[in-house]
């Protein structure tokens, strides 16, 4: 049997210190926030969501975000919910991966509907129920309604009553991120506004 002496396998104090320093450099991953979203041409959207969070106890019109892949729809939805949670609010979340959606919870202060263009019939039924209960609750004041999809409301392959409701309030088209459009971030987020429409 081969014997190793302690001095042969010992780590120098300098090396041990370096290893400890490396370990300290490892941080926890940061989730989506309104602060770490690069707005580019979508600064108006971010400002609108920030306004909702700051006045979280005042309910406004529903918000629907749409755009192509990589425009940050889910990021913004999750960031808004996280920010509302930080204000003590509770939110219901539904995306296409939720196979069995739960019933609307009267304790929610907001609902978030993501990837709506991918909803199956059961998810569409749940989303419609959530929307109706959030906008006209049995108790308390109306809840915040935030939604996102890849298509404008008129083109969504959804049941008519849900599709039309998603277009009731503020509808924002998210612009693709580019290096050029991100430049205004350094000057007080003065990027050109994303196209916004409000329909009834």
C-alpha atoms as a PDB file:
ATOM      1  CA  UNK A   1       0.000   0.000   0.000  1.00  0.00           C
ATOM      2  CA  UNK A   2       1.299   3.409  -0.979  1.00  0.00           C
ATOM      3  CA  UNK A   3       1.473   5.986   1.817  1.00  0.00           C
ATOM      4  CA  UNK A   4       1.152   9.711   1.151  1.00  0.00           C
ATOM      5  CA  UNK A   5       2.688  12.038   3.686  1.00  0.00           C
ATOM      6  CA  UNK A   6       0.745  15.100   4.704  1.00  0.00           C
ATOM      7  CA  UNK A   7       3.354  17.468   3.319  1.00  0.00           C
ATOM      8  CA  UNK A   8       2.973  15.863  -0.116  1.00  0.00           C
ATOM      9  CA  UNK A   9      -0.753  16.536  -0.425  1.00  0.00           C
ATOM     10  CA  UNK A  10      -1.076  19.734   1.578  1.00  0.00           C
ATOM     11  CA  UNK A  11      -2.314  22.872  -0.208  1.00  0.00           C
ATOM     12  CA  UNK A  12      -0.371  26.055   0.326  1.00  0.00           C
ATOM     13  CA  UNK A  13      -2.105  28.803   2.264  1.00  0.00           C
ATOM     14  CA  UNK A  14      -1.967  31.064  -0.805  1.00  0.00           C
ATOM     15  CA  UNK A  15      -3.697  28.461  -2.989  1.00  0.00           C
ATOM     16  CA  UNK A  16      -6.298  27.789  -0.315  1.00  0.00           C
ATOM     17  CA  UNK A  17      -7.007  31.504  -0.062  1.00  0.00           C
ATOM     18  CA  UNK A  18      -7.444  31.723  -3.850  1.00  0.00           C
ATOM     19  CA  UNK A  19      -9.923  28.825  -3.762  1.00  0.00           C
ATOM     20  CA  UNK A  20     -11.936  30.553  -1.056  1.00  0.00           C
ATOM     21  CA  UNK A  21     -11.976  33.740  -3.107  1.00  0.00           C
ATOM     22  CA  UNK A  22     -13.250  31.885  -6.157  1.00  0.00           C
ATOM     23  CA  UNK A  23     -16.053  30.382  -4.128  1.00  0.00           C
ATOM     24  CA  UNK A  24     -17.089  33.822  -2.902  1.00  0.00           C
ATOM     25  CA  UNK A  25     -17.368  35.069  -6.485  1.00  0.00           C
ATOM     26  CA  UNK A  26     -20.192  32.646  -7.263  1.00  0.00           C
ATOM     27  CA  UNK A  27     -23.551  34.373  -6.826  1.00  0.00           C
ATOM     28  CA  UNK A  28     -27.167  33.287  -7.084  1.00  0.00           C
ATOM     29  CA  UNK A  29     -28.748  33.749 -10.522  1.00  0.00           C
ATOM     30  CA  UNK A  30     -30.967  36.807 -10.880  1.00  0.00           C
ATOM     31  CA  UNK A  31     -34.427  36.230 -12.311  1.00  0.00           C
ATOM     32  CA  UNK A  32     -36.298  38.503 -14.713  1.00  0.00           C
ATOM     33  CA  UNK A  33     -36.803  42.036 -13.394  1.00  0.00           C
ATOM     34  CA  UNK A  34     -37.934  45.287 -14.951  1.00  0.00           C
ATOM     35  CA  UNK A  35     -34.465  46.651 -14.210  1.00  0.00           C
ATOM     36  CA  UNK A  36     -32.506  43.949 -16.064  1.00  0.00           C
ATOM     37  CA  UNK A  37     -34.686  44.073 -19.190  1.00  0.00           C
ATOM     38  CA  UNK A  38     -33.006  45.902 -22.086  1.00  0.00           C
ATOM     39  CA  UNK A  39     -35.890  47.990 -23.425  1.00  0.00           C
ATOM     40  CA  UNK A  40     -34.485  49.220 -26.732  1.00  0.00           C
ATOM     41  CA  UNK A  41     -37.586  50.501 -28.482  1.00  0.00           C
ATOM     42  CA  UNK A  42     -39.859  49.153 -25.753  1.00  0.00           C
ATOM     43  CA  UNK A  43     -39.267  51.769 -23.073  1.00  0.00           C
ATOM     44  CA  UNK A  44     -42.928  52.807 -23.070  1.00  0.00           C
ATOM     45  CA  UNK A  45     -43.935  49.251 -22.172  1.00  0.00           C
ATOM     46  CA  UNK A  46     -41.481  49.115 -19.268  1.00  0.00           C
ATOM     47  CA  UNK A  47     -42.674  52.495 -17.988  1.00  0.00           C
ATOM     48  CA  UNK A  48     -46.290  51.335 -18.156  1.00  0.00           C
ATOM     49  CA  UNK A  49     -45.527  48.179 -16.157  1.00  0.00           C
ATOM     50  CA  UNK A  50     -43.515  50.187 -13.639  1.00  0.00           C
ATOM     51  CA  UNK A  51     -46.545  52.424 -13.194  1.00  0.00           C
ATOM     52  CA  UNK A  52     -48.737  49.387 -12.493  1.00  0.00           C
ATOM     53  CA  UNK A  53     -46.311  48.147  -9.846  1.00  0.00           C
ATOM     54  CA  UNK A  54     -45.973  51.543  -8.189  1.00  0.00           C
ATOM     55  CA  UNK A  55     -49.761  51.917  -7.998  1.00  0.00           C
ATOM     56  CA  UNK A  56     -50.409  48.223  -7.412  1.00  0.00           C
ATOM     57  CA  UNK A  57     -53.541  48.916  -5.345  1.00  0.00           C
ATOM     58  CA  UNK A  58     -55.168  50.845  -8.215  1.00  0.00           C
ATOM     59  CA  UNK A  59     -56.581  48.681 -10.981  1.00  0.00           C
ATOM     60  CA  UNK A  60     -56.401  49.830 -14.589  1.00  0.00           C
ATOM     61  CA  UNK A  61     -57.231  48.361 -17.976  1.00  0.00           C
ATOM     62  CA  UNK A  62     -55.855  44.921 -18.951  1.00  0.00           C
ATOM     63  CA  UNK A  63     -52.412  44.824 -20.580  1.00  0.00           C
ATOM     64  CA  UNK A  64     -51.513  42.580 -23.524  1.00  0.00           C
ATOM     65  CA  UNK A  65     -47.948  42.308 -24.877  1.00  0.00           C
ATOM     66  CA  UNK A  66     -47.223  40.736 -28.229  1.00  0.00           C
ATOM     67  CA  UNK A  67     -44.204  40.227 -30.438  1.00  0.00           C
ATOM     68  CA  UNK A  68     -41.891  37.697 -32.006  1.00  0.00           C
ATOM     69  CA  UNK A  69     -39.518  35.308 -30.292  1.00  0.00           C
ATOM     70  CA  UNK A  70     -36.829  37.020 -28.242  1.00  0.00           C
ATOM     71  CA  UNK A  71     -38.666  40.299 -27.682  1.00  0.00           C
ATOM     72  CA  UNK A  72     -38.952  39.634 -23.942  1.00  0.00           C
ATOM     73  CA  UNK A  73     -42.679  39.007 -23.484  1.00  0.00           C
ATOM     74  CA  UNK A  74     -42.279  36.352 -20.806  1.00  0.00           C
ATOM     75  CA  UNK A  75     -39.437  38.283 -19.172  1.00  0.00           C
ATOM     76  CA  UNK A  76     -41.645  41.358 -18.750  1.00  0.00           C
ATOM     77  CA  UNK A  77     -44.621  39.341 -17.504  1.00  0.00           C
ATOM     78  CA  UNK A  78     -42.504  37.495 -14.917  1.00  0.00           C
ATOM     79  CA  UNK A  79     -40.753  40.720 -13.941  1.00  0.00           C
ATOM     80  CA  UNK A  80     -44.065  42.485 -13.334  1.00  0.00           C
ATOM     81  CA  UNK A  81     -45.365  39.595 -11.225  1.00  0.00           C
ATOM     82  CA  UNK A  82     -42.113  39.501  -9.229  1.00  0.00           C
ATOM     83  CA  UNK A  83     -42.339  43.242  -8.627  1.00  0.00           C
ATOM     84  CA  UNK A  84     -45.978  42.948  -7.523  1.00  0.00           C
ATOM     85  CA  UNK A  85     -45.003  40.120  -5.172  1.00  0.00           C
ATOM     86  CA  UNK A  86     -42.398  42.455  -3.716  1.00  0.00           C
ATOM     87  CA  UNK A  87     -45.236  44.854  -2.904  1.00  0.00           C
ATOM     88  CA  UNK A  88     -47.051  42.107  -1.025  1.00  0.00           C
ATOM     89  CA  UNK A  89     -49.436  41.256  -3.869  1.00  0.00           C
ATOM     90  CA  UNK A  90     -50.312  37.714  -5.002  1.00  0.00           C
ATOM     91  CA  UNK A  91     -50.726  36.686  -8.629  1.00  0.00           C
ATOM     92  CA  UNK A  92     -52.040  33.691 -10.539  1.00  0.00           C
ATOM     93  CA  UNK A  93     -49.797  32.492 -13.372  1.00  0.00           C
ATOM     94  CA  UNK A  94     -50.859  30.455 -16.419  1.00  0.00           C
ATOM     95  CA  UNK A  95     -48.703  29.474 -19.391  1.00  0.00           C
ATOM     96  CA  UNK A  96     -48.885  26.696 -21.958  1.00  0.00           C
ATOM     97  CA  UNK A  97     -46.908  24.276 -19.760  1.00  0.00           C
ATOM     98  CA  UNK A  98     -49.608  24.222 -17.053  1.00  0.00           C
ATOM     99  CA  UNK A  99     -51.608  21.123 -17.998  1.00  0.00           C
ATOM    100  CA  UNK A 100     -54.256  21.407 -15.277  1.00  0.00           C
ATOM    101  CA  UNK A 101     -54.990  25.058 -14.466  1.00  0.00           C
ATOM    102  CA  UNK A 102     -56.418  25.750 -11.037  1.00  0.00           C
ATOM    103  CA  UNK A 103     -59.571  27.748 -10.331  1.00  0.00           C
ATOM    104  CA  UNK A 104     -59.423  31.500  -9.838  1.00  0.00           C
ATOM    105  CA  UNK A 105     -58.304  32.434  -6.324  1.00  0.00           C
ATOM    106  CA  UNK A 106     -60.098  35.371  -4.702  1.00  0.00           C
ATOM    107  CA  UNK A 107     -56.871  36.067  -2.804  1.00  0.00           C
ATOM    108  CA  UNK A 108     -55.041  37.017  -5.993  1.00  0.00           C
ATOM    109  CA  UNK A 109     -54.309  40.669  -6.706  1.00  0.00           C
ATOM    110  CA  UNK A 110     -53.352  39.999 -10.338  1.00  0.00           C
ATOM    111  CA  UNK A 111     -53.360  37.341 -13.037  1.00  0.00           C
ATOM    112  CA  UNK A 112     -50.699  36.729 -15.680  1.00  0.00           C
ATOM    113  CA  UNK A 113     -51.458  34.787 -18.867  1.00  0.00           C
ATOM    114  CA  UNK A 114     -48.383  33.880 -20.926  1.00  0.00           C
ATOM    115  CA  UNK A 115     -48.028  32.108 -24.310  1.00  0.00           C
ATOM    116  CA  UNK A 116     -51.760  32.508 -24.901  1.00  0.00           C
ATOM    117  CA  UNK A 117     -51.495  31.523 -28.571  1.00  0.00           C
ATOM    118  CA  UNK A 118     -50.514  28.006 -27.427  1.00  0.00           C
ATOM    119  CA  UNK A 119     -53.405  27.426 -25.013  1.00  0.00           C
ATOM    120  CA  UNK A 120     -55.393  24.218 -25.443  1.00  0.00           C
ATOM    121  CA  UNK A 121     -59.193  24.231 -24.889  1.00  0.00           C
ATOM    122  CA  UNK A 122     -58.884  23.550 -21.146  1.00  0.00           C
ATOM    123  CA  UNK A 123     -56.352  26.347 -20.709  1.00  0.00           C
ATOM    124  CA  UNK A 124     -58.521  28.710 -22.750  1.00  0.00           C
ATOM    125  CA  UNK A 125     -61.495  27.929 -20.520  1.00  0.00           C
ATOM    126  CA  UNK A 126     -59.414  28.580 -17.408  1.00  0.00           C
ATOM    127  CA  UNK A 127     -57.979  31.814 -18.840  1.00  0.00           C
ATOM    128  CA  UNK A 128     -61.470  33.064 -19.688  1.00  0.00           C
ATOM    129  CA  UNK A 129     -62.669  32.226 -16.172  1.00  0.00           C
ATOM    130  CA  UNK A 130     -59.689  33.992 -14.625  1.00  0.00           C
ATOM    131  CA  UNK A 131     -60.222  37.041 -16.847  1.00  0.00           C
ATOM    132  CA  UNK A 132     -63.909  37.346 -15.963  1.00  0.00           C
ATOM    133  CA  UNK A 133     -63.286  36.894 -12.239  1.00  0.00           C
ATOM    134  CA  UNK A 134     -60.344  39.316 -12.260  1.00  0.00           C
ATOM    135  CA  UNK A 135     -62.250  42.032 -14.092  1.00  0.00           C
ATOM    136  CA  UNK A 136     -65.549  41.515 -12.217  1.00  0.00           C
ATOM    137  CA  UNK A 137     -64.678  39.732  -8.962  1.00  0.00           C
ATOM    138  CA  UNK A 138     -67.271  38.442  -6.519  1.00  0.00           C
ATOM    139  CA  UNK A 139     -65.457  40.284  -3.721  1.00  0.00           C
ATOM    140  CA  UNK A 140     -63.112  43.247  -3.617  1.00  0.00           C
ATOM    141  CA  UNK A 141     -61.890  45.446  -6.441  1.00  0.00           C
ATOM    142  CA  UNK A 142     -60.886  44.316  -9.965  1.00  0.00           C
ATOM    143  CA  UNK A 143     -57.468  42.651 -10.255  1.00  0.00           C
ATOM    144  CA  UNK A 144     -54.585  43.489 -12.564  1.00  0.00           C
ATOM    145  CA  UNK A 145     -54.715  41.506 -15.807  1.00  0.00           C
ATOM    146  CA  UNK A 146     -51.422  40.975 -17.673  1.00  0.00           C
ATOM    147  CA  UNK A 147     -51.125  38.781 -20.754  1.00  0.00           C
ATOM    148  CA  UNK A 148     -48.678  38.031 -23.557  1.00  0.00           C
ATOM    149  CA  UNK A 149     -48.571  36.196 -26.861  1.00  0.00           C
ATOM    150  CA  UNK A 150     -46.798  36.081 -30.194  1.00  0.00           C
ATOM    151  CA  UNK A 151     -49.710  37.526 -32.196  1.00  0.00           C
ATOM    152  CA  UNK A 152     -51.982  40.571 -31.952  1.00  0.00           C
ATOM    153  CA  UNK A 153     -55.333  39.803 -30.281  1.00  0.00           C
ATOM    154  CA  UNK A 154     -57.289  39.782 -33.548  1.00  0.00           C
ATOM    155  CA  UNK A 155     -55.076  36.983 -34.937  1.00  0.00           C
ATOM    156  CA  UNK A 156     -54.952  34.706 -31.888  1.00  0.00           C
ATOM    157  CA  UNK A 157     -56.256  31.146 -32.516  1.00  0.00           C
ATOM    158  CA  UNK A 158     -58.435  31.273 -29.397  1.00  0.00           C
ATOM    159  CA  UNK A 159     -62.113  31.085 -28.539  1.00  0.00           C
ATOM    160  CA  UNK A 160     -63.849  34.320 -29.452  1.00  0.00           C
ATOM    161  CA  UNK A 161     -64.828  35.443 -25.951  1.00  0.00           C
ATOM    162  CA  UNK A 162     -61.234  35.162 -24.689  1.00  0.00           C
ATOM    163  CA  UNK A 163     -59.630  36.609 -27.826  1.00  0.00           C
ATOM    164  CA  UNK A 164     -61.768  39.746 -27.766  1.00  0.00           C
ATOM    165  CA  UNK A 165     -61.190  40.317 -24.052  1.00  0.00           C
ATOM    166  CA  UNK A 166     -57.420  40.195 -24.503  1.00  0.00           C
ATOM    167  CA  UNK A 167     -57.779  43.178 -26.836  1.00  0.00           C
ATOM    168  CA  UNK A 168     -59.939  45.241 -24.476  1.00  0.00           C
ATOM    169  CA  UNK A 169     -57.196  47.252 -22.814  1.00  0.00           C
ATOM    170  CA  UNK A 170     -53.659  48.403 -23.535  1.00  0.00           C
ATOM    171  CA  UNK A 171     -52.082  46.409 -26.370  1.00  0.00           C
ATOM    172  CA  UNK A 172     -48.324  46.811 -26.836  1.00  0.00           C
ATOM    173  CA  UNK A 173     -46.310  45.460 -29.751  1.00  0.00           C
ATOM    174  CA  UNK A 174     -42.771  44.676 -28.577  1.00  0.00           C
ATOM    175  CA  UNK A 175     -39.980  45.656 -30.931  1.00  0.00           C
ATOM    176  CA  UNK A 176     -37.017  43.281 -31.517  1.00  0.00           C
ATOM    177  CA  UNK A 177     -33.907  44.140 -29.530  1.00  0.00           C
ATOM    178  CA  UNK A 178     -30.934  45.532 -31.451  1.00  0.00           C
ATOM    179  CA  UNK A 179     -27.661  47.112 -30.374  1.00  0.00           C
ATOM    180  CA  UNK A 180     -28.726  50.364 -31.970  1.00  0.00           C
ATOM    181  CA  UNK A 181     -32.133  50.432 -30.269  1.00  0.00           C
ATOM    182  CA  UNK A 182     -30.517  49.650 -26.910  1.00  0.00           C
ATOM    183  CA  UNK A 183     -28.279  52.731 -27.040  1.00  0.00           C
ATOM    184  CA  UNK A 184     -30.794  55.134 -25.433  1.00  0.00           C
ATOM    185  CA  UNK A 185     -30.680  52.938 -22.299  1.00  0.00           C
ATOM    186  CA  UNK A 186     -27.571  54.897 -21.298  1.00  0.00           C
ATOM    187  CA  UNK A 187     -29.331  58.247 -21.503  1.00  0.00           C
ATOM    188  CA  UNK A 188     -32.244  57.807 -19.187  1.00  0.00           C
ATOM    189  CA  UNK A 189     -34.157  55.168 -21.162  1.00  0.00           C
ATOM    190  CA  UNK A 190     -35.263  57.616 -23.862  1.00  0.00           C
ATOM    191  CA  UNK A 191     -35.709  54.986 -26.514  1.00  0.00           C
ATOM    192  CA  UNK A 192     -38.420  55.455 -29.082  1.00  0.00           C
ATOM    193  CA  UNK A 193     -41.730  54.111 -27.850  1.00  0.00           C
ATOM    194  CA  UNK A 194     -43.070  50.772 -28.960  1.00  0.00           C
ATOM    195  CA  UNK A 195     -46.234  50.989 -30.949  1.00  0.00           C
ATOM    196  CA  UNK A 196     -49.165  50.996 -28.566  1.00  0.00           C
ATOM    197  CA  UNK A 197     -52.859  50.827 -29.212  1.00  0.00           C
ATOM    198  CA  UNK A 198     -55.871  50.780 -26.999  1.00  0.00           C
ATOM    199  CA  UNK A 199     -58.901  49.102 -28.425  1.00  0.00           C
ATOM    200  CA  UNK A 200     -62.405  48.464 -27.207  1.00  0.00           C
END
